Structures are given as structure tokens and as C-alpha cells.
């Protein structure tokens, strides 16, 4: 993740259901640890129907750089990046 320039990664199971998040603190850990040990369980997610402005407010309030978008069954359908979302709102506004 570090080599790719990512500061977070979402962990999904074989069906694509979001299980956790590997964030900056997980990346900072030294030693051999499993993803299961390093991830934060049950990250906050949003549905595709959420207004972009609300998603940005949530990311700003929670200090998040990204937010996973899931269906009601928890399957990951995408990721909103705060920087991109803020730019989209500025252009629309």
C-alpha cells in the first residue's frame, strides 16, 4: 500500500463484503502481523444514494480521506475519495 501511495485499504471477504479497514496506523506497525490483526473492524460505510455533500461532511467530521460505498448487503461497490469529492462539489457549486 505504501509503495502505491495509498493511506488506507478496505478488506473484503470472498463475496466482496467489507470486513475492515487498514489505515495509517496499521501501515505504521512494524513486524509480521496478519491483515486480520491490523485492520479496524466494521468501518463506516455509505450507500450509493447518499448525497455527495453529506459524504464530504462525514469525511471531514471523521477525518477520513476516503469512504467505502456499499450496497445494503455490505458488498463494496466503490470508494469516495475526499479530495476528489470536494473538487467535484466546488466545480458544481
N, C-alpha and C. Protein backbone atom coordinates (compact mmCIF):
# COMPACT_ATOMS: atom_id res chain seq x y z
N UNK A 1 0.82 -1.19 0.00
CA UNK A 1 0.00 0.00 0.00
C UNK A 1 0.86 1.25 0.00
N UNK A 2 1.90 1.23 0.82
CA UNK A 2 2.77 2.41 0.90
C UNK A 2 3.40 2.71 -0.45
N UNK A 3 3.88 1.67 -1.10
CA UNK A 3 4.55 1.86 -2.39
C UNK A 3 3.61 2.44 -3.44
N UNK A 4 2.33 2.14 -3.33
CA UNK A 4 1.34 2.65 -4.28
C UNK A 4 0.84 4.04 -3.90
N UNK A 5 1.24 4.54 -2.73
CA UNK A 5 0.82 5.87 -2.29
C UNK A 5 -0.53 5.90 -1.60
N UNK A 6 -1.05 4.75 -1.21
CA UNK A 6 -2.34 4.67 -0.53
C UNK A 6 -2.13 4.82 0.96
N UNK A 7 -3.10 5.47 1.64
CA UNK A 7 -3.02 5.57 3.09
C UNK A 7 -4.09 4.74 3.77
N UNK A 8 -4.90 4.05 2.97
CA UNK A 8 -5.93 3.18 3.52
C UNK A 8 -6.30 2.11 2.51
N UNK A 9 -6.82 1.01 3.02
CA UNK A 9 -7.23 -0.10 2.18
C UNK A 9 -8.43 -0.77 2.86
N UNK A 10 -9.42 -1.12 2.07
CA UNK A 10 -10.58 -1.80 2.63
C UNK A 10 -10.44 -3.30 2.42
N UNK A 11 -10.74 -4.05 3.45
CA UNK A 11 -10.63 -5.51 3.44
C UNK A 11 -12.01 -6.08 3.18
N UNK A 12 -12.11 -6.96 2.18
CA UNK A 12 -13.39 -7.60 1.85
C UNK A 12 -13.23 -9.11 1.89
N UNK A 13 -14.36 -9.80 2.07
CA UNK A 13 -14.33 -11.26 2.04
C UNK A 13 -14.51 -11.73 0.59
N UNK A 14 -14.65 -13.03 0.40
CA UNK A 14 -14.77 -13.60 -0.93
C UNK A 14 -15.99 -13.15 -1.71
N UNK A 15 -17.00 -12.66 -1.00
CA UNK A 15 -18.21 -12.16 -1.66
C UNK A 15 -18.15 -10.66 -1.91
N UNK A 16 -17.09 -10.01 -1.43
CA UNK A 16 -16.95 -8.57 -1.60
C UNK A 16 -17.53 -7.75 -0.47
N UNK A 17 -17.92 -8.41 0.64
CA UNK A 17 -18.48 -7.71 1.80
C UNK A 17 -17.35 -7.05 2.58
N UNK A 18 -17.51 -5.79 2.91
CA UNK A 18 -16.48 -5.05 3.65
C UNK A 18 -16.40 -5.58 5.08
N UNK A 19 -15.17 -5.98 5.45
CA UNK A 19 -14.91 -6.50 6.80
C UNK A 19 -14.17 -5.50 7.67
N UNK A 20 -13.28 -4.71 7.05
CA UNK A 20 -12.46 -3.81 7.84
C UNK A 20 -11.69 -2.83 6.99
N UNK A 21 -10.88 -2.04 7.68
CA UNK A 21 -10.06 -1.01 7.03
C UNK A 21 -8.64 -1.12 7.56
N UNK A 22 -7.69 -1.05 6.65
CA UNK A 22 -6.28 -0.90 7.02
C UNK A 22 -5.94 0.56 6.80
N UNK A 23 -5.69 1.26 7.87
CA UNK A 23 -5.41 2.70 7.77
C UNK A 23 -3.96 3.03 8.06
N UNK A 24 -3.73 4.31 8.29
CA UNK A 24 -2.37 4.80 8.53
C UNK A 24 -1.71 4.12 9.72
N UNK A 25 -2.46 3.90 10.79
CA UNK A 25 -1.86 3.27 11.98
C UNK A 25 -1.47 1.83 11.69
N UNK A 26 -2.27 1.13 10.89
CA UNK A 26 -1.93 -0.24 10.53
C UNK A 26 -0.66 -0.28 9.69
N UNK A 27 -0.52 0.69 8.80
CA UNK A 27 0.67 0.75 7.96
C UNK A 27 1.93 1.07 8.76
N UNK A 28 1.76 1.79 9.85
CA UNK A 28 2.90 2.19 10.67
C UNK A 28 3.42 1.06 11.56
N UNK A 29 2.65 -0.01 11.68
CA UNK A 29 3.05 -1.12 12.55
C UNK A 29 4.26 -1.83 11.99
N UNK A 30 5.15 -2.19 12.87
CA UNK A 30 6.34 -2.96 12.48
C UNK A 30 6.10 -4.43 12.75
N UNK A 31 6.84 -5.27 12.07
CA UNK A 31 6.77 -6.70 12.34
C UNK A 31 5.75 -7.40 11.46
N UNK A 32 5.73 -8.68 11.61
CA UNK A 32 4.81 -9.50 10.84
C UNK A 32 3.48 -9.63 11.58
N UNK A 33 2.46 -9.03 11.01
CA UNK A 33 1.11 -9.15 11.55
C UNK A 33 0.19 -9.52 10.40
N UNK A 34 -0.89 -10.17 10.71
CA UNK A 34 -1.86 -10.51 9.68
C UNK A 34 -2.77 -9.32 9.42
N UNK A 35 -3.44 -9.35 8.30
CA UNK A 35 -4.41 -8.30 7.98
C UNK A 35 -5.48 -8.28 9.05
N UNK A 36 -5.91 -9.46 9.45
CA UNK A 36 -6.96 -9.54 10.48
C UNK A 36 -6.54 -8.86 11.77
N UNK A 37 -5.27 -9.00 12.15
CA UNK A 37 -4.77 -8.36 13.37
C UNK A 37 -4.64 -6.85 13.22
N UNK A 38 -4.31 -6.40 12.02
CA UNK A 38 -4.02 -4.99 11.81
C UNK A 38 -5.25 -4.14 11.46
N UNK A 39 -6.28 -4.76 10.91
CA UNK A 39 -7.40 -3.96 10.42
C UNK A 39 -8.33 -3.50 11.55
N UNK A 40 -9.02 -2.42 11.27
CA UNK A 40 -10.07 -1.92 12.14
C UNK A 40 -11.37 -2.53 11.62
N UNK A 41 -12.09 -3.22 12.48
CA UNK A 41 -13.31 -3.90 12.07
C UNK A 41 -14.46 -2.92 11.84
N UNK A 42 -15.34 -3.29 10.93
CA UNK A 42 -16.59 -2.56 10.73
C UNK A 42 -16.44 -1.09 10.42
N UNK A 43 -15.70 -0.73 9.36
CA UNK A 43 -15.55 0.69 9.05
C UNK A 43 -16.88 1.32 8.65
N UNK A 44 -16.96 2.61 8.83
CA UNK A 44 -18.13 3.37 8.43
C UNK A 44 -18.28 3.29 6.92
N UNK A 45 -19.49 3.04 6.44
CA UNK A 45 -19.75 2.98 5.01
C UNK A 45 -20.96 3.85 4.68
N UNK A 46 -21.13 4.10 3.38
CA UNK A 46 -22.29 4.84 2.91
C UNK A 46 -22.91 4.09 1.74
N UNK A 47 -24.15 4.42 1.44
CA UNK A 47 -24.87 3.83 0.31
C UNK A 47 -24.70 4.72 -0.92
N UNK A 48 -24.84 4.14 -2.10
CA UNK A 48 -24.71 4.93 -3.33
C UNK A 48 -25.69 6.09 -3.43
N UNK A 49 -26.81 6.00 -2.74
CA UNK A 49 -27.83 7.05 -2.80
C UNK A 49 -27.51 8.28 -1.96
N UNK A 50 -26.49 8.21 -1.11
CA UNK A 50 -26.14 9.35 -0.25
C UNK A 50 -25.68 10.53 -1.09
N UNK A 51 -26.17 11.72 -0.77
CA UNK A 51 -25.74 12.92 -1.48
C UNK A 51 -24.25 13.16 -1.23
N UNK A 52 -23.55 13.58 -2.28
CA UNK A 52 -22.10 13.78 -2.19
C UNK A 52 -21.74 14.78 -1.10
N UNK A 53 -22.51 15.83 -0.96
CA UNK A 53 -22.24 16.84 0.07
C UNK A 53 -22.25 16.22 1.47
N UNK A 54 -23.19 15.34 1.72
CA UNK A 54 -23.27 14.66 3.02
C UNK A 54 -22.07 13.73 3.24
N UNK A 55 -21.64 13.06 2.19
CA UNK A 55 -20.48 12.18 2.30
C UNK A 55 -19.22 12.99 2.64
N UNK A 56 -19.07 14.13 1.99
CA UNK A 56 -17.92 15.00 2.27
C UNK A 56 -17.97 15.51 3.70
N UNK A 57 -19.13 15.93 4.16
CA UNK A 57 -19.26 16.39 5.54
C UNK A 57 -18.86 15.29 6.51
N UNK A 58 -19.28 14.09 6.23
CA UNK A 58 -18.95 12.96 7.10
C UNK A 58 -17.44 12.69 7.13
N UNK A 59 -16.82 12.73 5.95
CA UNK A 59 -15.37 12.51 5.89
C UNK A 59 -14.62 13.61 6.62
N UNK A 60 -15.06 14.86 6.46
CA UNK A 60 -14.40 15.97 7.14
C UNK A 60 -14.55 15.84 8.65
N UNK A 61 -15.75 15.53 9.11
CA UNK A 61 -16.02 15.40 10.54
C UNK A 61 -15.20 14.27 11.16
N UNK A 62 -15.10 13.16 10.45
CA UNK A 62 -14.41 11.97 10.98
C UNK A 62 -12.92 11.93 10.62
N UNK A 63 -12.45 12.93 9.88
CA UNK A 63 -11.04 12.98 9.50
C UNK A 63 -10.64 11.87 8.53
N UNK A 64 -11.56 11.50 7.65
CA UNK A 64 -11.29 10.41 6.71
C UNK A 64 -10.87 10.96 5.35
N UNK A 65 -9.98 10.24 4.69
CA UNK A 65 -9.57 10.61 3.34
C UNK A 65 -10.38 9.86 2.30
N UNK A 66 -11.07 8.81 2.73
CA UNK A 66 -11.91 8.03 1.82
C UNK A 66 -13.03 7.37 2.59
N UNK A 67 -14.03 6.93 1.84
CA UNK A 67 -15.20 6.32 2.45
C UNK A 67 -15.72 5.24 1.51
N UNK A 68 -15.85 4.01 2.01
CA UNK A 68 -16.35 2.95 1.15
C UNK A 68 -17.85 3.09 0.89
N UNK A 69 -18.24 2.76 -0.32
CA UNK A 69 -19.64 2.77 -0.72
C UNK A 69 -20.07 1.32 -0.86
N UNK A 70 -21.12 0.95 -0.12
CA UNK A 70 -21.58 -0.44 -0.13
C UNK A 70 -23.07 -0.52 -0.41
N UNK A 71 -23.47 -1.70 -0.89
CA UNK A 71 -24.90 -2.00 -1.02
C UNK A 71 -25.43 -2.33 0.38
N UNK A 72 -26.72 -2.51 0.49
CA UNK A 72 -27.32 -2.82 1.79
C UNK A 72 -26.83 -4.15 2.35
N UNK A 73 -26.33 -5.05 1.49
CA UNK A 73 -25.80 -6.33 1.97
C UNK A 73 -24.32 -6.26 2.33
N UNK A 74 -23.74 -5.05 2.29
CA UNK A 74 -22.36 -4.85 2.69
C UNK A 74 -21.33 -5.02 1.59
N UNK A 75 -21.76 -5.36 0.38
CA UNK A 75 -20.83 -5.56 -0.73
C UNK A 75 -20.28 -4.21 -1.20
N UNK A 76 -18.97 -4.14 -1.32
CA UNK A 76 -18.29 -2.92 -1.75
C UNK A 76 -18.59 -2.64 -3.22
N UNK A 77 -19.04 -1.42 -3.52
CA UNK A 77 -19.28 -1.04 -4.91
C UNK A 77 -18.34 0.08 -5.36
N UNK A 78 -17.66 0.71 -4.41
CA UNK A 78 -16.72 1.77 -4.77
C UNK A 78 -16.19 2.48 -3.54
N UNK A 79 -15.35 3.47 -3.80
CA UNK A 79 -14.74 4.27 -2.74
C UNK A 79 -14.80 5.73 -3.16
N UNK A 80 -15.25 6.58 -2.24
CA UNK A 80 -15.25 8.03 -2.46
C UNK A 80 -13.97 8.57 -1.83
N UNK A 81 -13.22 9.32 -2.60
CA UNK A 81 -12.03 9.98 -2.07
C UNK A 81 -12.38 11.43 -1.77
N UNK A 82 -12.08 11.84 -0.56
CA UNK A 82 -12.48 13.17 -0.10
C UNK A 82 -11.97 14.28 -1.01
N UNK A 83 -10.72 14.21 -1.40
CA UNK A 83 -10.14 15.25 -2.26
C UNK A 83 -10.92 15.37 -3.57
N UNK A 84 -11.24 14.23 -4.19
CA UNK A 84 -11.99 14.23 -5.44
C UNK A 84 -13.41 14.74 -5.23
N UNK A 85 -14.04 14.32 -4.13
CA UNK A 85 -15.41 14.72 -3.84
C UNK A 85 -15.50 16.23 -3.57
N UNK A 86 -14.53 16.77 -2.82
CA UNK A 86 -14.52 18.20 -2.55
C UNK A 86 -14.35 19.00 -3.84
N UNK A 87 -13.49 18.52 -4.72
CA UNK A 87 -13.27 19.18 -6.00
C UNK A 87 -14.54 19.14 -6.85
N UNK A 88 -15.23 18.00 -6.88
CA UNK A 88 -16.47 17.87 -7.63
C UNK A 88 -17.53 18.84 -7.12
N UNK A 89 -17.61 18.99 -5.80
CA UNK A 89 -18.58 19.93 -5.23
C UNK A 89 -18.23 21.37 -5.56
N UNK A 90 -16.95 21.70 -5.57
CA UNK A 90 -16.53 23.07 -5.92
C UNK A 90 -16.91 23.39 -7.38
N UNK A 91 -16.68 22.42 -8.25
CA UNK A 91 -17.00 22.64 -9.68
C UNK A 91 -18.49 22.74 -9.90
N UNK A 92 -19.28 22.01 -9.12
CA UNK A 92 -20.74 22.02 -9.27
C UNK A 92 -21.36 23.26 -8.64
N UNK A 93 -20.65 23.84 -7.66
CA UNK A 93 -21.23 24.90 -6.87
C UNK A 93 -21.20 26.23 -7.46
